[in-house]
Amino acid sequence: MTFAFAAAGTGGHIYPALAVARVLVESGVPASDIIFFGGDRLETRIVPEAGFELVQLEVRGLSRSMTTDNLKLPAIVRRAGADVANTLEGRAPGVLTVFGGYVSVPAAMGARRIGMPYVIHEQNAVPGLANRYVARRAARTLAAFAPARERLKNAEIVGNPLSSVFEHYKRDEFRGEALKRYGLAPDLPVVGVFGGSQGAMALNESAAGFALASGETVSILHLTGPDHYESVTEQAHGVSNWVTAPFESDMQFFFAAADVVLSRAGAMTVSELAATSTPSVVVPLPAGKGYQALNAQDLERAGGALIVDQEQIADIPGMLLELVADPDRLAAMRDGARSVAKPDAARSVATILKEVAGV
């Protein structure tokens, strides 16, 4: 029985697919029955490292600018779709799951060509163009956030599949080790700053303002992003309570250390904030028709987060100081975040895939 995944480009597409694949393996599906389709980006490293086969497709996304390269895209997609079909045809029938990005269309085309059902999972509140296009013939359509239903009418809200470490997450179990990991004082509240895997200049600048405003009454744990690490670390030099790191591969420790987090509102970030019951101030990326603000909409309504427009980012240091000084409010925010969490999303998606595959 084949379980195929189409996930490429960014960690936001690839990591949820890997989380579901791992649950399938835990449930008894042989890893050899799982295959990934992708391109030539992040997936070329992390999918094989996870122990799964990756078939690279020669395909790219639609260019947003007017260019003659877009005229070549239909032929490129057809060829990639044929490659998917040829690969799957030699395997036992099963199900393909599309996680968005530029491989979605050829993967769905290839599955249809051989009569294999496919399922869509949309990570963001505003579905991408590719997922909207292929949703019309999907066996099941799954989404992380309720606003996605506006464009994916039959979507089932299942949440974003996360690493198994977040399924039964208990902050206190990681807290002591986390503080030691980062060299943080155990008697100071901690503000975590996280701008996504690549960092965010605006949040890095806000963290610098907060460091000045807070003195040494609060610790700052700052994941800068690799490209910003040197410049931010230079700013933090000599500030004993400002700890910087380029990234964190084991985010359970970051969330355990932080009493409140300043972050963007990427789909996976919002889902992890909820799963770890972490109070947050989120600054949605001011692009993409406001999709990041919609990602965090339920979290804000539940009282787990404060959404701040980037135009008001100068207000954030004061907001953070008020939050860390109010334990009762932080406790209420943790309860609010927990109320919208879907930490078992990977298990839910795996169950649905087995149903569609007829297992």
Protein backbone atom coordinates (compact mmCIF):
# COMPACT_ATOMS: atom_id res chain seq x y z
CA MET A 1 0.00 0.00 0.00
CA THR A 2 1.54 3.29 -1.11
CA PHE A 3 1.31 6.50 0.88
CA ALA A 4 2.68 9.32 -1.26
CA PHE A 5 3.28 12.92 -0.19
CA ALA A 6 3.79 16.02 -2.33
CA ALA A 7 5.58 18.64 -0.24
CA ALA A 8 8.27 21.04 -1.37
CA GLY A 9 9.92 24.40 -1.02
CA THR A 10 9.54 25.45 2.61
CA GLY A 11 9.48 23.80 5.99
CA GLY A 12 5.84 24.88 6.36
CA HIS A 13 4.93 22.38 3.65
CA ILE A 14 7.50 19.66 4.34
CA TYR A 15 7.52 19.28 8.13
CA PRO A 16 3.74 18.61 8.42
CA ALA A 17 4.03 15.92 5.76
CA LEU A 18 6.94 14.33 7.61
CA ALA A 19 4.96 14.40 10.86
CA VAL A 20 2.14 12.43 9.23
CA ALA A 21 4.58 10.00 7.58
CA ARG A 22 6.16 9.27 10.95
CA VAL A 23 2.77 8.54 12.51
CA LEU A 24 2.02 6.12 9.66
CA VAL A 25 5.30 4.31 10.35
CA GLU A 26 4.47 4.16 14.07
CA SER A 27 1.12 2.59 13.15
CA GLY A 28 2.80 -0.19 11.21
CA VAL A 29 3.18 1.17 7.67
CA PRO A 30 6.63 0.23 6.34
CA ALA A 31 8.81 3.24 5.54
CA SER A 32 9.42 1.65 2.14
CA ASP A 33 5.71 2.15 1.36
CA ILE A 34 6.07 5.93 1.81
CA ILE A 35 7.33 8.15 -1.00
CA PHE A 36 7.77 11.92 -1.25
CA PHE A 37 7.60 14.08 -4.37
CA GLY A 38 9.44 17.40 -4.28
CA GLY A 39 11.79 19.72 -6.08
CA ASP A 40 15.32 20.86 -5.45
CA ARG A 41 15.03 22.90 -2.27
CA LEU A 42 14.85 22.07 1.46
CA GLU A 43 13.20 18.72 0.83
CA THR A 44 16.35 17.32 -0.79
CA ARG A 45 18.00 17.33 2.63
CA ILE A 46 15.35 16.77 5.26
CA VAL A 47 13.26 14.07 3.57
CA PRO A 48 16.16 11.62 3.05
CA GLU A 49 17.48 12.45 6.54
CA ALA A 50 14.08 11.37 7.89
CA GLY A 51 14.49 8.01 6.16
CA PHE A 52 12.02 8.42 3.31
CA GLU A 53 12.42 8.15 -0.45
CA LEU A 54 12.29 11.43 -2.37
CA VAL A 55 11.54 11.69 -6.07
CA GLN A 56 12.64 15.06 -7.40
CA LEU A 57 10.46 16.64 -10.05
CA GLU A 58 11.64 19.22 -12.55
CA VAL A 59 9.03 21.84 -11.81
CA ARG A 60 8.82 25.40 -10.54
CA GLY A 61 6.16 27.83 -9.42
CA LEU A 62 4.35 30.53 -11.36
CA SER A 63 6.32 33.76 -11.55
CA ARG A 64 4.42 36.74 -10.13
CA SER A 65 5.98 39.07 -12.70
CA MET A 66 5.12 39.15 -16.39
CA THR A 67 7.69 36.86 -18.00
CA THR A 68 7.83 34.54 -20.99
CA ASP A 69 9.04 31.78 -18.65
CA ASN A 70 5.42 31.39 -17.51
CA LEU A 71 4.51 30.26 -21.03
CA LYS A 72 6.69 27.19 -20.54
CA LEU A 73 5.01 26.24 -17.27
CA PRO A 74 2.12 24.11 -18.62
CA ALA A 75 4.54 21.81 -20.48
CA ILE A 76 6.78 21.57 -17.39
CA VAL A 77 3.79 20.66 -15.20
CA ARG A 78 2.58 18.02 -17.66
CA ARG A 79 6.00 16.38 -17.75
CA ALA A 80 6.24 16.41 -13.96
CA GLY A 81 2.73 14.94 -13.72
CA ALA A 82 3.76 12.13 -16.07
CA ASP A 83 6.79 11.45 -13.87
CA VAL A 84 4.52 11.17 -10.82
CA ALA A 85 2.17 8.82 -12.65
CA ASN A 86 5.00 6.62 -13.89
CA THR A 87 6.50 6.40 -10.40
CA LEU A 88 3.21 5.53 -8.70
CA GLU A 89 2.05 3.11 -11.37
CA GLY A 90 4.67 0.59 -10.36
CA ARG A 91 3.55 0.61 -6.74
CA ALA A 92 0.60 -0.83 -4.85
CA PRO A 93 -2.42 1.52 -5.00
CA GLY A 94 -2.91 3.82 -2.04
CA VAL A 95 -3.33 7.56 -1.55
CA LEU A 96 -1.36 10.70 -2.31
CA THR A 97 -1.47 13.73 -0.02
CA VAL A 98 -0.77 17.22 -1.30
CA PHE A 99 0.66 19.72 1.20
CA GLY A 100 0.80 22.78 -1.06
CA GLY A 101 3.52 24.51 -3.02
CA TYR A 102 4.62 24.19 -6.61
CA VAL A 103 4.50 20.37 -6.70
CA SER A 104 0.80 20.23 -5.83
CA VAL A 105 -0.59 20.45 -9.34
CA PRO A 106 1.68 17.91 -11.09
CA ALA A 107 1.38 15.50 -8.16
CA ALA A 108 -2.42 15.64 -8.23
CA MET A 109 -2.39 15.30 -12.02
CA GLY A 110 -0.17 12.24 -11.81
CA ALA A 111 -2.37 10.59 -9.17
CA ARG A 112 -5.52 11.20 -11.22
CA ARG A 113 -3.86 9.79 -14.31
CA ILE A 114 -3.54 6.36 -12.67
CA GLY A 115 -6.76 6.55 -10.67
CA MET A 116 -5.14 7.04 -7.26
CA PRO A 117 -7.20 9.19 -4.86
CA TYR A 118 -5.55 12.25 -3.38
CA VAL A 119 -6.10 14.31 -0.25
CA ILE A 120 -5.22 17.96 0.28
CA HIS A 121 -3.90 19.52 3.46
CA GLU A 122 -3.79 23.32 3.62
CA GLN A 123 -1.57 24.74 6.37
CA ASN A 124 -2.59 28.41 6.10
CA ALA A 125 -5.84 30.24 6.75
CA VAL A 126 -5.76 31.52 3.16
CA PRO A 127 -5.27 28.58 0.78
CA GLY A 128 -2.58 28.80 -1.85
CA LEU A 129 -3.45 28.93 -5.55
CA ALA A 130 -2.21 25.40 -6.23
CA ASN A 131 -4.29 23.81 -3.47
CA ARG A 132 -7.37 25.75 -4.55
CA TYR A 133 -6.93 24.45 -8.08
CA VAL A 134 -6.53 20.77 -7.21
CA ALA A 135 -9.16 20.76 -4.43
CA ARG A 136 -11.97 20.32 -6.94
CA ARG A 137 -11.19 16.62 -7.43
CA ALA A 138 -9.73 15.76 -4.03
CA ALA A 139 -11.11 12.77 -2.14
CA ARG A 140 -10.88 14.77 1.12
CA THR A 141 -9.83 18.34 1.80
CA LEU A 142 -8.19 19.10 5.14
CA ALA A 143 -7.20 22.46 6.60
CA ALA A 144 -5.53 23.83 9.71
CA PHE A 145 -7.63 26.95 10.27
CA ALA A 146 -11.34 27.70 9.89
CA PRO A 147 -10.98 30.74 7.56
CA ALA A 148 -9.68 28.36 4.87
CA ARG A 149 -13.27 27.18 4.38
CA GLU A 150 -14.05 30.42 2.57
CA ARG A 151 -12.07 29.12 -0.42
CA LEU A 152 -12.08 25.39 0.30
CA LYS A 153 -15.79 24.83 0.87
CA ASN A 154 -15.69 21.22 2.04
CA ALA A 155 -12.56 21.48 4.15
CA GLU A 156 -12.37 19.54 7.42
CA ILE A 157 -10.51 21.49 10.11
CA VAL A 158 -7.87 19.17 11.56
CA GLY A 159 -5.03 21.52 12.55
CA ASN A 160 -1.42 21.42 11.41
CA PRO A 161 0.49 18.15 11.87
CA LEU A 162 3.33 18.78 14.33
CA SER A 163 6.27 16.83 15.64
CA SER A 164 5.25 14.10 18.08
CA VAL A 165 7.01 15.98 20.91
CA PHE A 166 4.12 18.47 20.89
CA GLU A 167 1.32 15.89 21.05
CA HIS A 168 1.33 15.60 24.84
CA TYR A 169 3.49 18.63 25.57
CA LYS A 170 4.08 19.56 29.20
CA ARG A 171 6.13 22.71 29.58
CA ASP A 172 7.33 21.91 33.09
CA GLU A 173 8.99 18.70 31.87
CA PHE A 174 11.32 20.71 29.63
CA ARG A 175 11.63 23.96 31.59
CA GLY A 176 14.67 23.18 33.77
CA GLU A 177 16.67 21.67 30.91
CA ALA A 178 15.65 24.53 28.62
CA LEU A 179 16.93 27.23 30.99
CA LYS A 180 20.25 25.39 31.30
CA ARG A 181 20.42 24.86 27.53
CA TYR A 182 20.33 28.62 26.92
CA GLY A 183 22.11 29.74 30.07
CA LEU A 184 19.09 31.68 31.32
CA ALA A 185 18.64 32.87 34.91
CA PRO A 186 15.97 30.76 36.67
CA ASP A 187 14.62 33.73 38.62
CA LEU A 188 13.82 36.02 35.65
CA PRO A 189 10.84 35.88 33.30
CA VAL A 190 11.82 35.04 29.73
CA VAL A 191 10.63 36.70 26.52
CA GLY A 192 11.26 34.54 23.46
CA VAL A 193 11.70 36.20 20.07
CA PHE A 194 11.24 34.13 16.94
CA GLY A 195 10.81 35.41 13.39
CA GLY A 196 10.50 32.07 11.62
CA SER A 197 13.28 29.88 10.25
CA GLN A 198 14.90 32.82 8.43
CA GLY A 199 14.30 35.43 11.12
CA ALA A 200 12.52 38.77 10.74
CA MET A 201 14.34 42.11 10.68
CA ALA A 202 11.38 44.00 12.17
CA LEU A 203 11.18 41.64 15.17
CA ASN A 204 14.93 41.72 15.64
CA GLU A 205 14.78 45.51 15.88
CA SER A 206 11.85 45.30 18.31
CA ALA A 207 13.86 42.90 20.48
CA ALA A 208 16.66 45.47 20.64
CA GLY A 209 14.16 48.09 21.80
CA PHE A 210 12.81 45.73 24.41
CA ALA A 211 16.32 44.99 25.70
CA LEU A 212 16.83 48.71 26.28
CA ALA A 213 13.41 49.19 27.89
CA SER A 214 13.58 46.18 30.22
CA GLY A 215 17.02 46.68 31.66
CA GLU A 216 18.02 43.42 33.31
CA THR A 217 14.64 42.56 34.83
CA VAL A 218 13.75 40.14 32.01
CA SER A 219 15.75 37.60 30.01
CA ILE A 220 15.50 37.63 26.20
CA LEU A 221 15.86 34.40 24.26
CA HIS A 222 16.26 35.43 20.64
CA LEU A 223 16.27 33.12 17.62
CA THR A 224 17.57 35.58 15.05
CA GLY A 225 17.59 33.55 11.85
CA PRO A 226 20.94 32.56 10.28
CA ASP A 227 21.28 35.68 8.12
CA HIS A 228 20.77 38.07 11.06
CA TYR A 229 22.73 36.22 13.71
CA GLU A 230 26.02 38.14 13.52
CA SER A 231 24.45 41.61 13.48
CA VAL A 232 22.02 40.87 16.33
CA THR A 233 24.69 39.15 18.42
CA GLU A 234 26.89 42.21 18.01
CA GLN A 235 24.04 44.36 19.36
CA ALA A 236 23.54 41.96 22.25
CA HIS A 237 27.23 41.93 23.17
CA GLY A 238 27.64 42.93 26.80
CA VAL A 239 23.91 42.55 27.59
CA SER A 240 23.98 39.59 29.95
CA ASN A 241 20.26 38.86 29.81
CA TRP A 242 20.03 38.81 25.97
CA VAL A 243 20.77 35.34 24.61
CA THR A 244 20.96 34.85 20.83
CA ALA A 245 20.98 31.78 18.60
CA PRO A 246 20.64 31.55 14.81
CA PHE A 247 17.94 28.86 14.99
CA GLU A 248 16.66 26.01 17.14
CA SER A 249 16.06 22.54 15.75
CA ASP A 250 14.36 21.36 18.97
CA MET A 251 11.68 23.98 19.49
CA GLN A 252 10.18 22.24 22.51
CA PHE A 253 13.01 23.79 24.55
CA PHE A 254 12.44 27.29 23.18
CA PHE A 255 8.75 27.23 24.11
CA ALA A 256 9.50 25.73 27.52
CA ALA A 257 11.97 28.52 28.31
CA ALA A 258 9.74 31.39 27.16
CA ASP A 259 7.02 32.85 29.38
CA VAL A 260 5.78 34.88 26.42
CA VAL A 261 6.84 34.85 22.76
CA LEU A 262 7.14 37.63 20.19
CA SER A 263 6.78 36.10 16.74
CA ARG A 264 5.42 36.25 13.23
CA ALA A 265 2.15 34.42 12.57
CA GLY A 266 3.29 31.68 10.22
CA ALA A 267 1.01 28.66 10.13
CA MET A 268 3.33 26.29 11.94
CA THR A 269 4.39 28.91 14.48
CA VAL A 270 0.77 29.62 15.42
CA SER A 271 0.04 25.90 15.71
CA GLU A 272 3.07 25.35 17.94
CA LEU A 273 2.16 28.33 20.13
CA ALA A 274 -1.25 26.75 20.72
CA ALA A 275 0.09 23.23 21.25
CA THR A 276 2.59 24.46 23.85
CA SER A 277 0.09 26.84 25.52
CA THR A 278 2.50 29.75 25.05
CA PRO A 279 1.23 33.33 25.47
CA SER A 280 2.29 35.43 22.50
CA VAL A 281 2.43 38.79 20.79
CA VAL A 282 2.30 38.11 17.06
CA VAL A 283 3.18 40.54 14.30
CA PRO A 284 1.77 39.19 11.03
CA LEU A 285 3.92 39.58 7.97
CA PRO A 286 2.43 42.57 6.11
CA ALA A 287 2.15 40.71 2.81
CA GLY A 288 0.15 37.98 1.12
CA LYS A 289 -3.27 39.66 1.54
CA GLY A 290 -3.10 39.36 5.31
CA TYR A 291 -3.02 35.57 5.49
CA GLN A 292 -0.77 35.54 8.57
CA ALA A 293 -3.24 37.66 10.54
CA LEU A 294 -5.95 35.12 9.70
CA ASN A 295 -3.66 32.29 10.83
CA ALA A 296 -3.64 33.81 14.30
CA GLN A 297 -7.32 34.82 14.36
CA ASP A 298 -8.61 31.91 16.46
CA LEU A 299 -5.63 32.15 18.82
CA GLU A 300 -6.37 35.84 19.43
CA ARG A 301 -10.12 35.28 19.88
CA ALA A 302 -9.40 32.61 22.48
CA GLY A 303 -7.24 35.06 24.41
CA GLY A 304 -3.98 33.26 23.73
CA ALA A 305 -2.33 35.97 21.64
CA LEU A 306 -2.22 39.67 20.94
CA ILE A 307 -2.04 40.60 17.24
CA VAL A 308 -0.08 43.76 16.49
CA ASP A 309 0.20 45.33 13.04
CA GLN A 310 3.75 45.99 11.96
CA GLU A 311 2.93 49.71 11.80
CA GLN A 312 2.46 49.62 15.60
CA ILE A 313 5.60 47.63 16.31
CA ALA A 314 7.05 50.49 18.39
CA ASP A 315 4.40 49.71 21.03
CA ILE A 316 5.62 46.14 21.54
CA PRO A 317 8.35 46.69 24.19
CA GLY A 318 5.81 48.29 26.51
CA MET A 319 3.25 45.55 25.83
CA LEU A 320 5.78 42.83 26.65
CA LEU A 321 6.80 44.52 29.88
CA GLU A 322 3.15 44.69 30.95
CA LEU A 323 2.62 41.02 30.16
CA VAL A 324 5.64 39.65 32.02
CA ALA A 325 4.62 41.72 35.05
CA ASP A 326 1.14 40.15 35.09
CA PRO A 327 1.29 36.40 35.94
CA ASP A 328 -2.50 36.11 36.13
CA ARG A 329 -2.89 37.42 32.59
CA LEU A 330 -0.19 35.07 31.31
CA ALA A 331 -1.97 32.15 32.96
CA ALA A 332 -5.22 33.14 31.25
CA MET A 333 -3.41 33.41 27.92
CA ARG A 334 -1.97 29.93 28.38
CA ASP A 335 -5.48 28.58 28.94
CA GLY A 336 -6.71 30.42 25.86
CA ALA A 337 -3.92 29.07 23.67
CA ARG A 338 -4.54 25.54 24.92
CA SER A 339 -8.25 25.78 24.06
CA VAL A 340 -7.58 26.08 20.31
CA ALA A 341 -4.70 23.60 20.11
CA LYS A 342 -4.91 20.53 17.88
CA PRO A 343 -1.76 18.68 18.95
CA ASP A 344 -3.02 15.35 17.56
CA ALA A 345 -3.42 16.69 14.00
CA ALA A 346 -0.77 14.36 12.57
CA ARG A 347 -2.60 11.35 13.99
CA SER A 348 -5.94 12.64 12.67
CA VAL A 349 -4.54 13.11 9.16
CA ALA A 350 -2.90 9.67 9.19
CA THR A 351 -6.22 8.09 10.15
CA ILE A 352 -8.01 9.88 7.30
CA LEU A 353 -5.35 8.76 4.81
CA LYS A 354 -5.85 5.15 5.85
CA GLU A 355 -9.60 5.54 5.41
CA VAL A 356 -9.17 6.94 1.89
CA ALA A 357 -6.65 4.22 1.02
CA GLY A 358 -9.06 1.57 2.28
CA VAL A 359 -6.76 0.20 4.95
